[in-house]
Protein backbone atom coordinates (compact mmCIF):
# COMPACT_ATOMS: atom_id res chain seq x y z
CA MET A 1 19.97 86.55 -92.38
CA SER A 2 17.94 85.17 -89.66
CA LYS A 3 16.51 81.96 -90.35
CA ASP A 4 13.19 83.17 -88.66
CA ASN A 5 12.78 85.43 -91.66
CA LEU A 6 12.90 82.47 -94.25
CA ILE A 7 9.66 80.41 -95.09
CA PHE A 8 9.99 76.74 -95.65
CA PRO A 9 7.60 74.18 -95.76
CA ILE A 10 6.96 72.30 -92.55
CA SER A 11 8.46 68.77 -92.89
CA PRO A 12 9.81 66.10 -90.52
CA VAL A 13 12.62 65.48 -92.61
CA LYS A 14 14.85 68.08 -94.03
CA ALA A 15 14.55 68.02 -97.77
CA ALA A 16 17.52 68.65 -99.97
CA PRO A 17 18.26 72.15 -101.48
CA VAL A 18 16.13 72.43 -104.92
CA HIS A 19 18.68 73.44 -107.54
CA VAL A 20 17.84 76.44 -110.01
CA ASP A 21 20.12 77.28 -112.42
CA ALA A 22 20.47 80.89 -111.79
CA LEU A 23 20.04 83.05 -108.79
CA THR A 24 18.52 86.20 -110.05
CA ILE A 25 19.04 89.65 -108.22
CA ASN A 26 17.03 92.25 -109.68
CA TRP A 27 18.74 95.90 -109.38
CA HIS A 28 16.16 98.46 -110.27
CA VAL A 29 18.84 100.92 -111.03
CA THR A 30 16.63 104.11 -111.52
CA GLU A 31 12.80 105.11 -110.82
CA ALA A 32 13.29 107.69 -113.90
CA CYS A 33 11.15 106.69 -116.68
CA ASN A 34 9.99 107.95 -120.15
CA TYR A 35 6.77 106.09 -120.05
CA ARG A 36 3.99 107.07 -117.12
CA CYS A 37 2.34 103.86 -117.01
CA GLN A 38 -0.69 104.15 -114.30
CA TYR A 39 -0.06 100.80 -112.82
CA CYS A 40 3.91 101.38 -112.44
CA TYR A 41 5.23 100.01 -109.17
CA ALA A 42 8.57 101.42 -109.59
CA LYS A 43 8.06 103.90 -107.06
CA TRP A 44 10.46 104.31 -103.68
CA THR A 45 9.75 106.23 -100.50
CA ASP A 46 12.01 107.14 -97.45
CA HIS A 47 15.08 107.95 -99.62
CA PRO A 48 18.34 107.28 -97.56
CA CYS A 49 20.40 109.61 -99.57
CA PRO A 50 19.42 112.58 -102.37
CA ARG A 51 20.83 110.60 -105.57
CA GLU A 52 20.27 107.16 -106.95
CA LEU A 53 23.37 105.13 -106.38
CA PHE A 54 24.28 104.52 -110.19
CA HIS A 55 25.31 108.45 -110.22
CA ASP A 56 28.71 107.04 -108.15
CA ARG A 57 30.62 104.76 -110.13
CA ASP A 58 32.82 103.66 -107.12
CA ARG A 59 29.82 102.98 -104.92
CA SER A 60 28.02 101.23 -107.66
CA GLN A 61 30.97 98.70 -108.01
CA HIS A 62 30.95 98.38 -104.50
CA LEU A 63 27.50 97.45 -104.34
CA LEU A 64 28.03 94.69 -107.13
CA VAL A 65 30.67 93.49 -105.67
CA GLU A 66 29.09 93.03 -102.25
CA LEU A 67 26.06 91.29 -104.03
CA PHE A 68 28.14 89.04 -105.73
CA GLN A 69 30.24 88.03 -103.03
CA TYR A 70 27.30 87.11 -100.75
CA PHE A 71 25.19 85.58 -103.14
CA GLN A 72 27.73 83.50 -105.49
CA PRO A 73 27.11 79.69 -105.55
CA THR A 74 30.15 79.01 -103.29
CA ASN A 75 28.92 81.10 -100.11
CA THR A 76 27.75 78.04 -97.99
CA SER A 77 27.25 80.51 -95.07
CA ASN A 78 24.32 82.22 -97.17
CA PRO A 79 21.06 80.99 -95.64
CA LEU A 80 19.32 80.60 -98.97
CA ARG A 81 21.60 77.34 -99.52
CA ASP A 82 19.53 75.49 -97.17
CA ALA A 83 16.40 75.76 -99.69
CA LEU A 84 18.17 76.36 -102.76
CA SER A 85 21.28 75.57 -104.88
CA TRP A 86 22.11 77.55 -108.16
CA ARG A 87 24.86 77.09 -110.45
CA THR A 88 25.38 80.78 -111.60
CA LEU A 89 24.39 84.37 -110.37
CA ARG A 90 22.58 86.75 -112.39
CA LEU A 91 22.14 90.61 -112.25
CA ASN A 92 18.90 91.74 -113.83
CA LEU A 93 18.77 95.53 -114.69
CA ALA A 94 15.60 97.24 -114.19
CA GLY A 95 13.68 100.52 -113.71
CA GLY A 96 12.15 102.74 -114.29
CA GLU A 97 13.68 102.42 -117.66
CA PRO A 98 17.38 101.58 -117.59
CA SER A 99 18.27 102.54 -121.01
CA ILE A 100 17.83 106.45 -120.41
CA LEU A 101 21.03 105.94 -118.43
CA GLY A 102 22.60 105.75 -121.72
CA GLU A 103 26.57 104.98 -121.68
CA ARG A 104 26.26 104.80 -117.67
CA LEU A 105 23.97 101.33 -118.17
CA LEU A 106 26.67 100.22 -120.56
CA ASP A 107 29.28 101.07 -117.73
CA ILE A 108 27.06 99.11 -115.11
CA THR A 109 26.80 96.22 -117.68
CA ARG A 110 30.35 96.00 -118.01
CA VAL A 111 31.53 95.94 -114.53
CA ALA A 112 28.62 93.43 -113.43
CA LYS A 113 30.30 91.14 -116.19
CA GLN A 114 33.73 91.65 -114.87
CA VAL A 115 32.59 90.96 -111.07
CA GLY A 116 31.29 87.80 -112.08
CA PHE A 117 27.18 88.15 -112.80
CA GLU A 118 25.76 86.92 -115.98
CA VAL A 119 23.49 90.10 -116.87
CA SER A 120 20.11 90.69 -118.31
CA LEU A 121 17.95 93.93 -118.79
CA ILE A 122 14.08 94.57 -118.58
CA SER A 123 13.17 97.46 -120.65
CA ASN A 124 10.36 99.22 -122.69
CA ALA A 125 12.62 99.01 -125.77
CA SER A 126 11.85 102.72 -126.58
CA ARG A 127 15.37 103.40 -126.48
CA LEU A 128 16.94 100.17 -127.87
CA THR A 129 18.08 101.40 -131.11
CA SER A 130 20.21 99.40 -133.49
CA ASP A 131 23.56 101.26 -132.09
CA VAL A 132 22.51 100.67 -128.60
CA ILE A 133 21.78 97.00 -129.11
CA LYS A 134 25.13 96.53 -131.17
CA GLN A 135 27.12 97.57 -127.90
CA LEU A 136 24.80 96.05 -125.35
CA ALA A 137 23.41 92.64 -126.67
CA PRO A 138 26.86 90.89 -126.37
CA GLN A 139 27.06 91.46 -122.50
CA LEU A 140 23.37 89.89 -121.79
CA THR A 141 22.19 86.86 -121.24
CA TYR A 142 18.51 87.89 -121.73
CA LEU A 143 16.97 91.11 -123.00
CA GLY A 144 13.73 91.52 -121.39
CA VAL A 145 11.00 93.83 -123.40
CA SER A 146 7.91 95.05 -121.61
CA LEU A 147 4.86 94.61 -123.99
CA ASP A 148 1.21 95.15 -122.79
CA SER A 149 -0.72 95.68 -126.16
CA THR A 150 -0.67 96.14 -129.88
CA ASP A 151 -3.49 98.61 -129.99
CA SER A 152 -1.84 102.22 -129.79
CA GLY A 153 -5.03 103.60 -127.99
CA THR A 154 -4.72 101.03 -125.20
CA ASN A 155 -1.03 101.97 -125.07
CA LEU A 156 -1.68 105.69 -124.45
CA ALA A 157 -4.44 104.82 -122.00
CA ILE A 158 -2.00 102.71 -119.86
CA GLY A 159 0.64 105.50 -120.36
CA ARG A 160 3.06 103.50 -122.56
CA VAL A 161 3.97 106.43 -124.71
CA GLU A 162 6.74 109.28 -124.74
CA ARG A 163 5.64 112.38 -123.26
CA SER A 164 5.21 113.64 -127.06
CA GLY A 165 2.60 111.06 -127.25
CA GLN A 166 4.72 108.67 -129.45
CA GLY A 167 4.28 105.02 -128.71
CA LEU A 168 6.51 101.84 -129.77
CA SER A 169 6.71 100.77 -133.49
CA LEU A 170 5.97 97.04 -133.31
CA ASN A 171 7.86 96.78 -136.59
CA GLU A 172 10.89 98.52 -135.68
CA LEU A 173 11.07 96.52 -132.16
CA THR A 174 11.00 93.47 -134.22
CA ALA A 175 13.69 94.42 -136.45
CA ASN A 176 15.78 95.63 -133.72
CA LEU A 177 15.09 92.14 -131.68
CA ASP A 178 16.15 90.15 -134.79
CA PHE A 179 19.34 92.13 -135.13
CA ALA A 180 20.09 91.80 -131.25
CA ARG A 181 20.04 87.70 -132.04
CA GLN A 182 22.20 88.47 -134.86
CA VAL A 183 24.76 90.40 -132.63
CA ASN A 184 24.46 87.85 -129.99
CA PRO A 185 23.02 84.61 -131.12
CA ALA A 186 23.06 83.05 -127.54
CA LEU A 187 20.82 85.82 -126.35
CA LYS A 188 17.59 84.85 -125.22
CA ILE A 189 14.36 87.35 -125.59
CA LYS A 190 11.60 87.71 -122.65
CA ILE A 191 8.42 89.51 -123.06
CA THR A 192 6.81 90.78 -119.97
CA THR A 193 3.13 91.67 -120.12
CA VAL A 194 1.17 93.28 -117.27
CA VAL A 195 -2.63 92.20 -117.43
CA ASN A 196 -4.80 95.19 -116.48
CA ALA A 197 -8.10 96.46 -116.88
CA LEU A 198 -7.43 98.14 -120.17
CA ASN A 199 -5.96 95.08 -122.07
CA ALA A 200 -7.49 92.20 -120.65
CA ASP A 201 -9.50 91.33 -123.28
CA GLU A 202 -6.72 91.64 -125.97
CA ASP A 203 -5.26 88.24 -127.78
CA LEU A 204 -1.65 89.02 -128.09
CA SER A 205 -0.98 85.72 -129.92
CA GLY A 206 0.09 87.63 -133.25
CA LEU A 207 2.48 89.36 -131.36
CA ILE A 208 4.03 86.59 -129.30
CA THR A 209 4.47 84.47 -132.54
CA ARG A 210 5.94 87.62 -134.25
CA VAL A 211 8.29 88.20 -131.59
CA ARG A 212 9.41 84.33 -130.75
CA PRO A 213 10.52 84.56 -127.01
CA GLU A 214 12.08 82.04 -125.43
CA ARG A 215 10.03 83.17 -122.32
CA TRP A 216 6.83 85.04 -121.72
CA LYS A 217 6.11 86.37 -118.42
CA VAL A 218 2.47 87.27 -117.71
CA LEU A 219 1.76 89.41 -114.64
CA ARG A 220 -1.38 89.95 -113.17
CA MET A 221 -1.14 93.97 -112.45
CA LEU A 222 -0.13 94.43 -108.73
CA PRO A 223 -1.52 97.39 -106.84
CA ILE A 224 1.41 98.53 -104.91
CA VAL A 225 0.88 102.29 -105.68
CA ASP A 226 -2.22 102.62 -107.70
CA ALA A 227 -5.13 100.18 -108.09
CA THR A 228 -7.02 102.07 -110.92
CA LEU A 229 -6.31 99.40 -113.24
CA ALA A 230 -6.72 96.23 -111.24
CA VAL A 231 -8.12 93.33 -112.75
CA SER A 232 -10.55 90.54 -111.75
CA ASP A 233 -9.95 86.98 -110.92
CA GLU A 234 -12.08 85.85 -114.16
CA ALA A 235 -10.36 88.33 -116.56
CA PHE A 236 -7.00 87.60 -115.55
CA ALA A 237 -7.67 83.65 -115.95
CA ALA A 238 -9.70 84.72 -119.02
CA PHE A 239 -6.45 86.02 -120.39
CA VAL A 240 -4.20 83.25 -119.39
CA GLU A 241 -6.81 80.75 -121.07
CA ARG A 242 -6.85 82.63 -124.20
CA HIS A 243 -3.00 82.37 -124.66
CA GLY A 244 -2.87 78.47 -123.50
CA ALA A 245 -1.29 77.77 -126.91
CA PHE A 246 1.83 79.77 -125.47
CA ARG A 247 1.83 77.64 -122.00
CA SER A 248 5.48 76.11 -122.78
CA ILE A 249 7.04 79.54 -122.32
CA GLN A 250 4.90 81.30 -120.37
CA CYS A 251 5.42 82.10 -116.71
CA VAL A 252 2.24 83.40 -114.97
CA GLU A 253 2.04 85.24 -111.72
CA ASP A 254 -0.68 86.37 -109.89
CA ASN A 255 -0.56 89.08 -107.12
CA SER A 256 0.45 86.43 -104.40
CA ASP A 257 3.31 84.84 -106.24
CA MET A 258 5.12 88.29 -106.71
CA CYS A 259 5.17 88.74 -102.69
CA GLU A 260 8.15 87.68 -100.91
CA SER A 261 9.69 85.86 -103.95
CA TYR A 262 12.03 87.92 -105.72
CA LEU A 263 15.55 89.28 -104.57
CA MET A 264 15.48 93.27 -105.39
CA VAL A 265 17.46 96.00 -104.86
CA ASP A 266 15.96 99.72 -104.86
CA PRO A 267 17.86 102.67 -106.75
CA TYR A 268 19.32 103.72 -103.44
CA GLY A 269 20.95 100.29 -102.80
CA ARG A 270 18.64 98.70 -100.36
CA PHE A 271 17.03 95.15 -100.56
CA PHE A 272 13.04 95.75 -100.95
CA GLN A 273 10.30 93.37 -100.77
CA ASN A 274 6.64 93.38 -101.68
CA GLN A 275 4.52 92.99 -99.15
CA ALA A 276 1.78 90.36 -98.38
CA ALA A 277 -1.39 90.79 -100.92
CA GLY A 278 -3.60 93.41 -100.02
CA LYS A 279 -1.07 95.30 -97.77
CA GLY A 280 0.49 97.59 -100.41
CA GLY A 281 3.79 99.44 -100.50
CA TYR A 282 7.31 98.09 -99.64
CA LEU A 283 9.30 96.71 -96.97
CA TYR A 284 12.87 97.86 -97.08
CA SER A 285 16.25 96.82 -95.60
CA GLN A 286 18.98 99.12 -94.38
CA PRO A 287 21.24 100.27 -97.26
CA ILE A 288 23.24 97.35 -98.29
CA LEU A 289 26.34 99.98 -98.40
CA PRO A 290 28.09 100.26 -96.04
CA SER A 291 26.41 97.55 -93.66
CA GLY A 292 26.94 94.89 -96.02
CA ALA A 293 24.61 92.53 -98.02
CA ALA A 294 24.37 89.89 -95.15
CA ALA A 295 23.43 92.62 -92.54
CA ALA A 296 20.63 94.27 -94.71
CA PHE A 297 19.51 91.10 -96.06
CA SER A 298 18.83 89.43 -92.67
CA GLU A 299 15.92 92.23 -92.32
CA MET A 300 13.81 90.68 -95.35
CA ARG A 301 11.47 87.84 -95.74
CA PHE A 302 11.93 85.70 -98.71
CA ASN A 303 10.12 82.61 -99.54
CA PRO A 304 12.30 80.08 -101.50
CA ALA A 305 9.49 78.36 -102.38
CA GLY A 306 8.11 81.09 -104.32
CA PHE A 307 11.11 81.58 -106.22
CA ARG A 308 11.46 78.06 -106.88
CA SER A 309 7.83 78.03 -108.40
CA ARG A 310 8.79 80.33 -110.93
CA TYR A 311 10.64 77.71 -112.69
CA THR A 312 8.05 75.12 -112.83
CA THR A 313 6.94 76.06 -116.08
CA ALA A 314 10.25 76.52 -117.98
CA PRO A 315 13.08 74.72 -115.73
CA GLY A 316 16.50 76.39 -115.71
CA GLU A 317 15.15 79.44 -117.40
CA ALA A 318 15.68 83.08 -115.90
CA SER A 319 13.29 85.09 -114.07
């Protein structure tokens, strides 16, 4: 990566790298999803190939090996080492909805573990049955669940339902998460909530108390594709304040916090990045295969300070 692409604070003395426990790479394995959330930003353009990479087992494994070798903690040639140090490397599988891949998701998870990654998953939980959890939970460090509302009407309006109109049963979800903790006592649960115009006035305290997550990520709806459900500064701040009792587990991110501060790979094997607030759309690298992670990542802007700030409320936890 060209150092011109990295953003560092101006200082007359070079600061020592800041340590984070895990460096997280978010691989959005598919754009497909059984929900149709209005605010969804999982839309990728200018596809470099006709099929998402997960369809090809060999190329998927090659991608994971390439990412691990480039970002592993012992690779001192990685330019991020000027600003960060990390103990482990974690692959976060996202979408779309990764659970609709079925057995292929389990394959990818197993291969990632064999390569050397810790693995986590972010899901809408609609397909996380007890049978799936029994196979998947032992492979995971974190299980993330997207939950925006306890109101069925709100979830319907957002689009957080199946095509049939079937929504997520919170009773079933709670039971499944309890089961996941039994299967893997070391597993940590994360809840992700996107604050938008439809749920900004809700109080989710009961839900969070019931689920007992180790981490709660509260995101302001990011108008990458559609600004229809954008929420005001005041409404977002009020939502955060209303849930102040959970500050110790919260990671709150406004739109600017989400720009150039994530390591992300799209379904076609390209690094991609949110553009600066207000510009919308994504910036893409060339495909990681066959050019290599170093060449592709050199085309991306990444803000290590933005990445580090995600750890200030819960040091050492995964993003």
